[in-house]
Amino acid sequence: MSASVALMVAAEGGIIGDGRTGANLALGAGLVGLVLGMLALSRANGRISTGNARTGGMSAIAVGMACIVLAVLHLATSSGGPGTGNGLVGAVVAVPLGLGGVLLGRRALTRSRGAGQPAVR
Protein backbone atom coordinates (compact mmCIF):
# COMPACT_ATOMS: atom_id res chain seq x y z
CA MET A 1 0.00 0.00 0.00
CA SER A 2 1.47 3.33 -1.02
CA ALA A 3 1.60 6.36 1.23
CA SER A 4 -0.97 8.28 -0.81
CA VAL A 5 -3.49 5.44 -0.59
CA ALA A 6 -2.91 5.13 3.17
CA LEU A 7 -3.49 8.87 3.61
CA MET A 8 -6.70 8.72 1.58
CA VAL A 9 -8.02 5.80 3.67
CA ALA A 10 -7.13 7.65 6.88
CA ALA A 11 -8.82 10.84 5.64
CA GLU A 12 -12.02 8.94 4.85
CA GLY A 13 -12.07 7.54 8.37
CA GLY A 14 -11.20 4.00 7.43
CA ILE A 15 -8.54 3.44 10.08
CA ILE A 16 -9.97 4.90 13.29
CA GLY A 17 -12.16 7.75 12.12
CA ASP A 18 -11.69 11.44 12.66
CA GLY A 19 -14.69 11.70 14.96
CA ARG A 20 -13.69 8.83 17.16
CA THR A 21 -10.22 10.25 17.65
CA GLY A 22 -11.55 13.49 19.13
CA ALA A 23 -14.02 11.68 21.35
CA ASN A 24 -11.38 9.21 22.54
CA LEU A 25 -9.06 12.09 23.38
CA ALA A 26 -11.80 13.77 25.41
CA LEU A 27 -12.61 10.48 27.18
CA GLY A 28 -8.96 9.95 28.05
CA ALA A 29 -8.64 13.47 29.42
CA GLY A 30 -11.79 12.94 31.48
CA LEU A 31 -10.47 9.75 33.01
CA VAL A 32 -7.13 11.40 33.82
CA GLY A 33 -8.99 14.31 35.44
CA LEU A 34 -11.03 11.93 37.58
CA VAL A 35 -7.96 10.01 38.72
CA LEU A 36 -6.09 13.23 39.54
CA GLY A 37 -9.09 14.52 41.47
CA MET A 38 -9.43 11.32 43.48
CA LEU A 39 -5.72 11.32 44.32
CA ALA A 40 -5.82 14.98 45.33
CA LEU A 41 -8.86 14.37 47.51
CA SER A 42 -7.09 11.44 49.16
CA ARG A 43 -4.11 13.67 49.85
CA ALA A 44 -6.35 16.38 51.31
CA ASN A 45 -8.03 13.85 53.60
CA GLY A 46 -4.66 12.61 54.83
CA ARG A 47 -4.89 9.11 53.37
CA ILE A 48 -1.87 9.62 51.12
CA SER A 49 1.07 11.51 52.59
CA THR A 50 3.03 12.09 49.38
CA GLY A 51 2.49 15.04 47.12
CA ASN A 52 0.60 18.29 47.43
CA ALA A 53 -3.21 18.27 47.49
CA ARG A 54 -3.49 21.82 46.15
CA THR A 55 -1.34 21.08 43.11
CA GLY A 56 -3.28 17.90 42.42
CA GLY A 57 -6.60 19.71 42.78
CA MET A 58 -5.57 22.47 40.40
CA SER A 59 -4.31 19.97 37.84
CA ALA A 60 -7.56 17.98 38.11
CA ILE A 61 -9.53 21.16 37.46
CA ALA A 62 -7.35 22.06 34.47
CA VAL A 63 -7.54 18.60 32.87
CA GLY A 64 -11.29 18.37 33.57
CA MET A 65 -11.91 21.72 31.93
CA ALA A 66 -9.82 20.70 28.93
CA CYS A 67 -11.93 17.55 28.66
CA ILE A 68 -15.17 19.52 28.76
CA VAL A 69 -13.93 21.95 26.12
CA LEU A 70 -12.79 19.13 23.83
CA ALA A 71 -16.06 17.22 24.23
CA VAL A 72 -18.30 20.26 23.66
CA LEU A 73 -16.22 21.28 20.65
CA HIS A 74 -16.57 17.77 19.25
CA LEU A 75 -20.32 17.79 19.88
CA ALA A 76 -20.68 21.13 18.14
CA THR A 77 -18.73 20.13 15.04
CA SER A 78 -19.78 16.51 14.51
CA SER A 79 -22.32 15.59 11.91
CA GLY A 80 -24.76 12.74 12.10
CA GLY A 81 -26.24 11.09 15.12
CA PRO A 82 -25.32 8.41 17.59
CA GLY A 83 -24.25 5.16 15.99
CA THR A 84 -22.83 6.75 12.84
CA GLY A 85 -19.19 6.34 13.87
CA ASN A 86 -18.60 10.03 14.56
CA GLY A 87 -17.83 9.52 18.24
CA LEU A 88 -20.88 11.45 19.38
CA VAL A 89 -21.69 9.08 22.23
CA GLY A 90 -18.09 9.19 23.45
CA ALA A 91 -18.20 12.98 23.55
CA VAL A 92 -21.48 12.90 25.48
CA VAL A 93 -19.93 10.54 28.04
CA ALA A 94 -16.79 12.71 28.27
CA VAL A 95 -18.69 15.78 29.50
CA PRO A 96 -19.70 14.29 32.89
CA LEU A 97 -16.25 12.74 33.28
CA GLY A 98 -14.64 16.15 32.90
CA LEU A 99 -17.20 17.72 35.22
CA GLY A 100 -16.43 15.04 37.81
CA GLY A 101 -12.72 15.85 37.59
CA VAL A 102 -13.45 19.55 38.07
CA LEU A 103 -15.68 18.90 41.07
CA LEU A 104 -13.23 16.50 42.74
CA GLY A 105 -10.39 18.97 42.18
CA ARG A 106 -12.43 21.80 43.67
CA ARG A 107 -13.33 19.70 46.68
CA ALA A 108 -9.66 18.82 47.20
CA LEU A 109 -8.75 22.50 47.04
CA THR A 110 -11.42 23.33 49.59
CA ARG A 111 -10.31 20.61 52.00
CA SER A 112 -6.62 21.44 51.69
CA ARG A 113 -7.11 25.10 52.58
CA GLY A 114 -5.30 25.94 55.78
CA ALA A 115 -7.14 26.79 58.99
CA GLY A 116 -5.70 30.30 59.06
CA GLN A 117 -6.90 31.25 55.60
CA PRO A 118 -10.34 32.82 55.20
CA ALA A 119 -12.86 31.29 52.86
CA VAL A 120 -13.12 33.18 49.57
CA ARG A 121 -16.69 33.70 48.50
C-alpha atoms as a PDB file:
ATOM      1  CA  MET A   1       0.000   0.000   0.000  1.00  0.00           C
ATOM      2  CA  SER A   2       1.471   3.333  -1.018  1.00  0.00           C
ATOM      3  CA  ALA A   3       1.603   6.363   1.226  1.00  0.00           C
ATOM      4  CA  SER A   4      -0.971   8.282  -0.808  1.00  0.00           C
ATOM      5  CA  VAL A   5      -3.491   5.437  -0.588  1.00  0.00           C
ATOM      6  CA  ALA A   6      -2.912   5.132   3.167  1.00  0.00           C
ATOM      7  CA  LEU A   7      -3.490   8.872   3.612  1.00  0.00           C
ATOM      8  CA  MET A   8      -6.699   8.720   1.585  1.00  0.00           C
ATOM      9  CA  VAL A   9      -8.017   5.803   3.670  1.00  0.00           C
ATOM     10  CA  ALA A  10      -7.132   7.647   6.878  1.00  0.00           C
ATOM     11  CA  ALA A  11      -8.817  10.837   5.639  1.00  0.00           C
ATOM     12  CA  GLU A  12     -12.015   8.940   4.855  1.00  0.00           C
ATOM     13  CA  GLY A  13     -12.067   7.540   8.373  1.00  0.00           C
ATOM     14  CA  GLY A  14     -11.200   3.997   7.430  1.00  0.00           C
ATOM     15  CA  ILE A  15      -8.543   3.437  10.078  1.00  0.00           C
ATOM     16  CA  ILE A  16      -9.971   4.899  13.286  1.00  0.00           C
ATOM     17  CA  GLY A  17     -12.162   7.747  12.115  1.00  0.00           C
ATOM     18  CA  ASP A  18     -11.693  11.439  12.661  1.00  0.00           C
ATOM     19  CA  GLY A  19     -14.688  11.698  14.961  1.00  0.00           C
ATOM     20  CA  ARG A  20     -13.693   8.829  17.164  1.00  0.00           C
ATOM     21  CA  THR A  21     -10.223  10.248  17.650  1.00  0.00           C
ATOM     22  CA  GLY A  22     -11.545  13.494  19.134  1.00  0.00           C
ATOM     23  CA  ALA A  23     -14.022  11.677  21.350  1.00  0.00           C
ATOM     24  CA  ASN A  24     -11.377   9.210  22.538  1.00  0.00           C
ATOM     25  CA  LEU A  25      -9.055  12.091  23.376  1.00  0.00           C
ATOM     26  CA  ALA A  26     -11.800  13.765  25.409  1.00  0.00           C
ATOM     27  CA  LEU A  27     -12.606  10.484  27.181  1.00  0.00           C
ATOM     28  CA  GLY A  28      -8.961   9.949  28.051  1.00  0.00           C
ATOM     29  CA  ALA A  29      -8.642  13.469  29.420  1.00  0.00           C
ATOM     30  CA  GLY A  30     -11.790  12.941  31.485  1.00  0.00           C
ATOM     31  CA  LEU A  31     -10.465   9.751  33.012  1.00  0.00           C
ATOM     32  CA  VAL A  32      -7.132  11.395  33.816  1.00  0.00           C
ATOM     33  CA  GLY A  33      -8.987  14.306  35.438  1.00  0.00           C
ATOM     34  CA  LEU A  34     -11.035  11.926  37.581  1.00  0.00           C
ATOM     35  CA  VAL A  35      -7.957  10.014  38.724  1.00  0.00           C
ATOM     36  CA  LEU A  36      -6.092  13.230  39.536  1.00  0.00           C
ATOM     37  CA  GLY A  37      -9.089  14.524  41.466  1.00  0.00           C
ATOM     38  CA  MET A  38      -9.433  11.323  43.483  1.00  0.00           C
ATOM     39  CA  LEU A  39      -5.720  11.317  44.325  1.00  0.00           C
ATOM     40  CA  ALA A  40      -5.820  14.980  45.329  1.00  0.00           C
ATOM     41  CA  LEU A  41      -8.857  14.369  47.505  1.00  0.00           C
ATOM     42  CA  SER A  42      -7.092  11.436  49.164  1.00  0.00           C
ATOM     43  CA  ARG A  43      -4.109  13.674  49.854  1.00  0.00           C
ATOM     44  CA  ALA A  44      -6.347  16.376  51.314  1.00  0.00           C
ATOM     45  CA  ASN A  45      -8.032  13.849  53.605  1.00  0.00           C
ATOM     46  CA  GLY A  46      -4.658  12.605  54.833  1.00  0.00           C
ATOM     47  CA  ARG A  47      -4.891   9.108  53.370  1.00  0.00           C
ATOM     48  CA  ILE A  48      -1.867   9.618  51.120  1.00  0.00           C
ATOM     49  CA  SER A  49       1.071  11.507  52.587  1.00  0.00           C
ATOM     50  CA  THR A  50       3.034  12.085  49.384  1.00  0.00           C
ATOM     51  CA  GLY A  51       2.485  15.044  47.117  1.00  0.00           C
ATOM     52  CA  ASN A  52       0.595  18.290  47.429  1.00  0.00           C
ATOM     53  CA  ALA A  53      -3.205  18.267  47.490  1.00  0.00           C
ATOM     54  CA  ARG A  54      -3.491  21.821  46.152  1.00  0.00           C
ATOM     55  CA  THR A  55      -1.339  21.080  43.108  1.00  0.00           C
ATOM     56  CA  GLY A  56      -3.283  17.895  42.423  1.00  0.00           C
ATOM     57  CA  GLY A  57      -6.595  19.713  42.781  1.00  0.00           C
ATOM     58  CA  MET A  58      -5.566  22.473  40.399  1.00  0.00           C
ATOM     59  CA  SER A  59      -4.311  19.974  37.839  1.00  0.00           C
ATOM     60  CA  ALA A  60      -7.558  17.981  38.107  1.00  0.00           C
ATOM     61  CA  ILE A  61      -9.527  21.158  37.459  1.00  0.00           C
ATOM     62  CA  ALA A  62      -7.354  22.062  34.470  1.00  0.00           C
ATOM     63  CA  VAL A  63      -7.544  18.604  32.875  1.00  0.00           C
ATOM     64  CA  GLY A  64     -11.289  18.367  33.573  1.00  0.00           C
ATOM     65  CA  MET A  65     -11.911  21.724  31.925  1.00  0.00           C
ATOM     66  CA  ALA A  66      -9.821  20.700  28.927  1.00  0.00           C
ATOM     67  CA  CYS A  67     -11.929  17.545  28.660  1.00  0.00           C
ATOM     68  CA  ILE A  68     -15.171  19.522  28.762  1.00  0.00           C
ATOM     69  CA  VAL A  69     -13.932  21.951  26.122  1.00  0.00           C
ATOM     70  CA  LEU A  70     -12.793  19.126  23.827  1.00  0.00           C
ATOM     71  CA  ALA A  71     -16.060  17.223  24.231  1.00  0.00           C
ATOM     72  CA  VAL A  72     -18.295  20.256  23.657  1.00  0.00           C
ATOM     73  CA  LEU A  73     -16.216  21.282  20.649  1.00  0.00           C
ATOM     74  CA  HIS A  74     -16.568  17.774  19.251  1.00  0.00           C
ATOM     75  CA  LEU A  75     -20.316  17.786  19.880  1.00  0.00           C
ATOM     76  CA  ALA A  76     -20.682  21.134  18.141  1.00  0.00           C
ATOM     77  CA  THR A  77     -18.731  20.135  15.042  1.00  0.00           C
ATOM     78  CA  SER A  78     -19.777  16.514  14.515  1.00  0.00           C
ATOM     79  CA  SER A  79     -22.323  15.595  11.909  1.00  0.00           C
ATOM     80  CA  GLY A  80     -24.765  12.736  12.096  1.00  0.00           C
ATOM     81  CA  GLY A  81     -26.243  11.086  15.115  1.00  0.00           C
ATOM     82  CA  PRO A  82     -25.323   8.408  17.587  1.00  0.00           C
ATOM     83  CA  GLY A  83     -24.248   5.163  15.991  1.00  0.00           C
ATOM     84  CA  THR A  84     -22.827   6.752  12.838  1.00  0.00           C
ATOM     85  CA  GLY A  85     -19.189   6.344  13.869  1.00  0.00           C
ATOM     86  CA  ASN A  86     -18.597  10.031  14.563  1.00  0.00           C
ATOM     87  CA  GLY A  87     -17.829   9.523  18.240  1.00  0.00           C
ATOM     88  CA  LEU A  88     -20.881  11.450  19.378  1.00  0.00           C
ATOM     89  CA  VAL A  89     -21.688   9.076  22.230  1.00  0.00           C
ATOM     90  CA  GLY A  90     -18.091   9.189  23.453  1.00  0.00           C
ATOM     91  CA  ALA A  91     -18.203  12.979  23.555  1.00  0.00           C
ATOM     92  CA  VAL A  92     -21.476  12.899  25.478  1.00  0.00           C
ATOM     93  CA  VAL A  93     -19.927  10.538  28.036  1.00  0.00           C
ATOM     94  CA  ALA A  94     -16.788  12.708  28.270  1.00  0.00           C
ATOM     95  CA  VAL A  95     -18.688  15.781  29.500  1.00  0.00           C
ATOM     96  CA  PRO A  96     -19.703  14.291  32.888  1.00  0.00           C
ATOM     97  CA  LEU A  97     -16.247  12.736  33.283  1.00  0.00           C
ATOM     98  CA  GLY A  98     -14.643  16.155  32.902  1.00  0.00           C
ATOM     99  CA  LEU A  99     -17.196  17.717  35.218  1.00  0.00           C
ATOM    100  CA  GLY A 100     -16.425  15.039  37.809  1.00  0.00           C
ATOM    101  CA  GLY A 101     -12.718  15.851  37.588  1.00  0.00           C
ATOM    102  CA  VAL A 102     -13.447  19.548  38.068  1.00  0.00           C
ATOM    103  CA  LEU A 103     -15.684  18.902  41.071  1.00  0.00           C
ATOM    104  CA  LEU A 104     -13.233  16.504  42.736  1.00  0.00           C
ATOM    105  CA  GLY A 105     -10.394  18.966  42.179  1.00  0.00           C
ATOM    106  CA  ARG A 106     -12.435  21.800  43.673  1.00  0.00           C
ATOM    107  CA  ARG A 107     -13.325  19.695  46.685  1.00  0.00           C
ATOM    108  CA  ALA A 108      -9.659  18.815  47.201  1.00  0.00           C
ATOM    109  CA  LEU A 109      -8.748  22.503  47.042  1.00  0.00           C
ATOM    110  CA  THR A 110     -11.424  23.332  49.592  1.00  0.00           C
ATOM    111  CA  ARG A 111     -10.309  20.614  52.003  1.00  0.00           C
ATOM    112  CA  SER A 112      -6.624  21.436  51.691  1.00  0.00           C
ATOM    113  CA  ARG A 113      -7.115  25.102  52.576  1.00  0.00           C
ATOM    114  CA  GLY A 114      -5.302  25.937  55.785  1.00  0.00           C
ATOM    115  CA  ALA A 115      -7.138  26.793  58.993  1.00  0.00           C
ATOM    116  CA  GLY A 116      -5.703  30.297  59.064  1.00  0.00           C
ATOM    117  CA  GLN A 117      -6.900  31.253  55.595  1.00  0.00           C
ATOM    118  CA  PRO A 118     -10.336  32.819  55.205  1.00  0.00           C
ATOM    119  CA  ALA A 119     -12.862  31.289  52.860  1.00  0.00           C
ATOM    120  CA  VAL A 120     -13.116  33.180  49.568  1.00  0.00           C
ATOM    121  CA  ARG A 121     -16.691  33.703  48.501  1.00  0.00           C
END
